[in-house]
Every structure is written in C-alpha cells, then in structure tokens.
Amino acid sequence: MHREIAIRKAEPADAPAIASILENTGWFPFFNGDTLKQNARRIGEFLDNAYAEAKSHSAYVAETGEDILAGYVTVHWLPYLFLPAPEGYISEIFVDERYRGGGIGKALLEAVRVEADAKGCSRLMLCNSRTRHSYKREFYQKLGWQERETVANFIFKL
C-alpha cells in the first residue's frame, strides 16, 4: 500500500509517538519497565539536548499524510582516523508495524543518505539482528547495503 510520506527532523514533541513505536516492538525489557509517559519524557529530553542543534547527531521522523508519526531514524556522525571522511552510524531505525512495507524505512534511510552526502561522509553503517524481519526479508540488501561478513559486533555492558 502506497502512502504519502513526509520526512522531517525529529522534535521533542515527537517523543510520545517515538516512545509508542518502541514500546510496541516489545524488544527492550528495560524500556518496557517504565510507563509510556516516562519514556516519552526521557526521549523528549534526549531529542531536545542531544539532537536539537547538534552537528554530530541527527534524528528524522516519517509522517503519513494523516500526520501520524509512523517511524524514525537516528544517526551519529563519527570521524575515524582510518577513513578518508566521517561515517554515519545509524543507531536506530524503527517503523510502526502497521506501516511497514509502505516505503517509510526506505525514505528514512534516503534522508540520512542525503545528509551524509552533504557532510561529505565516506560511508553509512548500521547493525541489524539476523533474527529481525527486516534482515530475513533482506530489506537493507535490496537497498544496496552490504553485509560485512568479516566483522563481529561486540558490546560491553556497564
């Protein structure tokens, strides 16, 4: 189903809709431990402080023609000494389950790509769990993304 999609920079007022999208995934136990209002307040503060005027972070939202926030993406612009130009690291991209398959994820990634081009970045990078539906249906590969087979992704819990 094709829907009209508008992509714009995220604002603190978008926090309740973003919190709702994240809560509905059910993927984050620590996130589901707080109320929607608590999560929205935290996200709003984060958008206000970290993303509002930052040159090293960006966040975009996707709205449908009915002014429903249907997805979002966050990206961090990282300099590396071993790359010829910065890298854009997409740390989050989520689309409300009701709107998946309508081009919203693609439009969000395109907004990031346009900004990365304007910043002179050398590449974009993201992590995707092999258990996610987007991985199984090869969403990123179909858009030209390449999976790095020789790199392991590690975390260190604090």
Protein backbone atom coordinates (compact mmCIF):
# COMPACT_ATOMS: atom_id res chain seq x y z
CA MET A 1 0.00 0.00 0.00
CA HIS A 2 1.47 3.35 -1.05
CA ARG A 3 1.08 6.18 1.44
CA GLU A 4 2.14 9.78 1.30
CA ILE A 5 5.25 10.11 3.47
CA ALA A 6 6.87 13.28 4.79
CA ILE A 7 10.34 13.09 6.33
CA ARG A 8 11.49 15.84 8.69
CA LYS A 9 13.91 16.39 11.55
CA ALA A 10 12.65 14.99 14.84
CA GLU A 11 11.47 17.37 17.55
CA PRO A 12 10.91 16.87 21.29
CA ALA A 13 7.15 16.94 20.64
CA ASP A 14 7.59 13.69 18.67
CA ALA A 15 8.70 11.86 21.82
CA PRO A 16 5.32 10.27 22.74
CA ALA A 17 4.91 8.79 19.25
CA ILE A 18 8.52 7.52 19.22
CA ALA A 19 8.05 6.01 22.68
CA SER A 20 4.89 4.28 21.47
CA ILE A 21 6.69 2.79 18.45
CA LEU A 22 9.45 1.44 20.70
CA GLU A 23 7.03 0.14 23.30
CA ASN A 24 5.01 -1.70 20.66
CA THR A 25 8.07 -3.64 19.46
CA GLY A 26 8.34 -5.39 22.83
CA TRP A 27 12.07 -5.85 22.16
CA PHE A 28 13.51 -3.79 25.01
CA PRO A 29 12.79 -5.09 28.54
CA PHE A 30 14.35 -2.05 30.24
CA PHE A 31 12.18 0.23 28.07
CA ASN A 32 9.02 -1.69 28.87
CA GLY A 33 9.74 -1.33 32.60
CA ASP A 34 8.78 2.36 32.55
CA THR A 35 5.48 3.97 31.64
CA LEU A 36 4.89 5.43 28.20
CA LYS A 37 4.87 8.88 29.81
CA GLN A 38 8.27 8.30 31.49
CA ASN A 39 9.79 7.02 28.25
CA ALA A 40 8.33 9.92 26.26
CA ARG A 41 9.78 12.43 28.76
CA ARG A 42 13.23 10.80 28.54
CA ILE A 43 13.12 10.68 24.73
CA GLY A 44 11.91 14.28 24.55
CA GLU A 45 14.77 15.45 26.76
CA PHE A 46 17.22 13.47 24.66
CA LEU A 47 15.92 14.97 21.43
CA ASP A 48 16.00 18.44 22.96
CA ASN A 49 19.52 18.11 24.34
CA ALA A 50 21.39 15.74 22.04
CA TYR A 51 19.75 16.29 18.67
CA ALA A 52 18.24 19.78 18.58
CA GLU A 53 21.25 21.74 17.36
CA ALA A 54 23.88 19.02 17.31
CA LYS A 55 26.21 18.67 14.37
CA SER A 56 27.24 15.17 15.43
CA HIS A 57 23.75 13.63 15.70
CA SER A 58 20.60 13.69 13.60
CA ALA A 59 17.13 12.26 14.04
CA TYR A 60 14.37 12.11 11.44
CA VAL A 61 10.73 11.10 11.66
CA ALA A 62 8.34 9.88 8.99
CA GLU A 63 4.78 11.16 8.98
CA THR A 64 1.93 9.80 6.94
CA GLY A 65 -0.47 12.05 5.04
CA GLU A 66 -2.72 11.79 8.12
CA ASP A 67 0.01 13.38 10.32
CA ILE A 68 0.72 10.07 12.06
CA LEU A 69 4.32 9.52 13.08
CA ALA A 70 5.00 6.10 11.58
CA GLY A 71 8.76 5.72 12.01
CA TYR A 72 12.05 7.33 12.94
CA VAL A 73 15.80 7.03 12.47
CA THR A 74 18.77 8.31 14.48
CA VAL A 75 22.28 8.74 13.10
CA HIS A 76 25.60 9.76 14.62
CA TRP A 77 28.30 11.39 12.50
CA LEU A 78 31.62 9.85 13.55
CA PRO A 79 35.12 10.80 12.45
CA TYR A 80 37.60 7.96 12.09
CA LEU A 81 41.33 8.35 11.58
CA PHE A 82 41.41 5.32 9.26
CA LEU A 83 38.66 6.56 6.91
CA PRO A 84 39.03 9.32 4.34
CA ALA A 85 35.87 11.02 5.67
CA PRO A 86 33.37 10.61 8.54
CA GLU A 87 30.97 7.70 8.83
CA GLY A 88 27.27 7.98 9.58
CA TYR A 89 26.30 5.36 12.16
CA ILE A 90 22.58 4.64 12.14
CA SER A 91 21.89 3.54 15.70
CA GLU A 92 18.10 3.23 15.46
CA ILE A 93 15.56 2.82 12.70
CA PHE A 94 12.06 1.72 13.58
CA VAL A 95 8.82 1.75 11.64
CA ASP A 96 5.46 1.19 13.31
CA GLU A 97 4.34 -2.34 12.45
CA ARG A 98 1.10 -1.03 10.89
CA TYR A 99 3.10 0.97 8.32
CA ARG A 100 5.84 -1.48 7.35
CA GLY A 101 6.17 -2.27 3.67
CA GLY A 102 4.99 1.18 2.60
CA GLY A 103 8.37 2.76 1.85
CA ILE A 104 8.85 4.52 5.18
CA GLY A 105 12.11 2.78 6.10
CA LYS A 106 13.47 3.45 2.63
CA ALA A 107 12.51 7.14 2.87
CA LEU A 108 14.15 7.48 6.30
CA LEU A 109 17.37 5.92 5.02
CA GLU A 110 17.31 8.21 2.00
CA ALA A 111 17.07 11.28 4.27
CA VAL A 112 20.15 10.04 6.14
CA ARG A 113 21.98 9.38 2.86
CA VAL A 114 21.26 12.90 1.63
CA GLU A 115 22.63 14.40 4.85
CA ALA A 116 25.66 12.07 4.72
CA ASP A 117 26.39 13.27 1.18
CA ALA A 118 26.11 16.90 2.31
CA LYS A 119 28.52 16.20 5.19
CA GLY A 120 31.00 14.50 2.85
CA CYS A 121 30.81 11.14 4.61
CA SER A 122 32.64 8.13 3.25
CA ARG A 123 30.01 5.57 4.27
CA LEU A 124 26.96 4.74 6.37
CA MET A 125 26.84 1.84 8.81
CA LEU A 126 24.19 0.10 10.88
CA CYS A 127 23.71 -3.11 12.84
CA ASN A 128 20.73 -5.38 12.25
CA SER A 129 19.90 -8.53 14.17
CA ARG A 130 19.70 -11.60 11.97
CA THR A 131 16.51 -12.53 13.81
CA ARG A 132 14.66 -9.35 12.75
CA HIS A 133 12.09 -9.43 9.97
CA SER A 134 13.98 -6.68 8.10
CA TYR A 135 17.05 -8.92 7.96
CA LYS A 136 15.16 -12.01 6.92
CA ARG A 137 13.45 -10.20 4.04
CA GLU A 138 16.78 -8.61 3.03
CA PHE A 139 15.47 -5.07 3.39
CA TYR A 140 18.90 -3.45 3.55
CA GLN A 141 20.46 -5.62 0.87
CA LYS A 142 17.67 -4.69 -1.53
CA LEU A 143 18.58 -1.03 -0.99
CA GLY A 144 22.25 -1.63 -1.82
CA TRP A 145 23.64 -2.17 1.68
CA GLN A 146 26.35 -4.80 2.04
CA GLU A 147 26.71 -7.12 5.00
CA ARG A 148 30.22 -7.25 6.42
CA GLU A 149 30.99 -10.92 6.85
CA THR A 150 34.39 -10.46 8.49
CA VAL A 151 33.35 -8.06 11.27
CA ALA A 152 31.86 -9.13 14.60
CA ASN A 153 29.75 -6.70 16.59
CA PHE A 154 30.54 -6.69 20.33
CA ILE A 155 29.05 -4.92 23.31
CA PHE A 156 30.41 -4.36 26.81
CA LYS A 157 27.63 -3.97 29.38
CA LEU A 158 28.14 -1.37 32.08
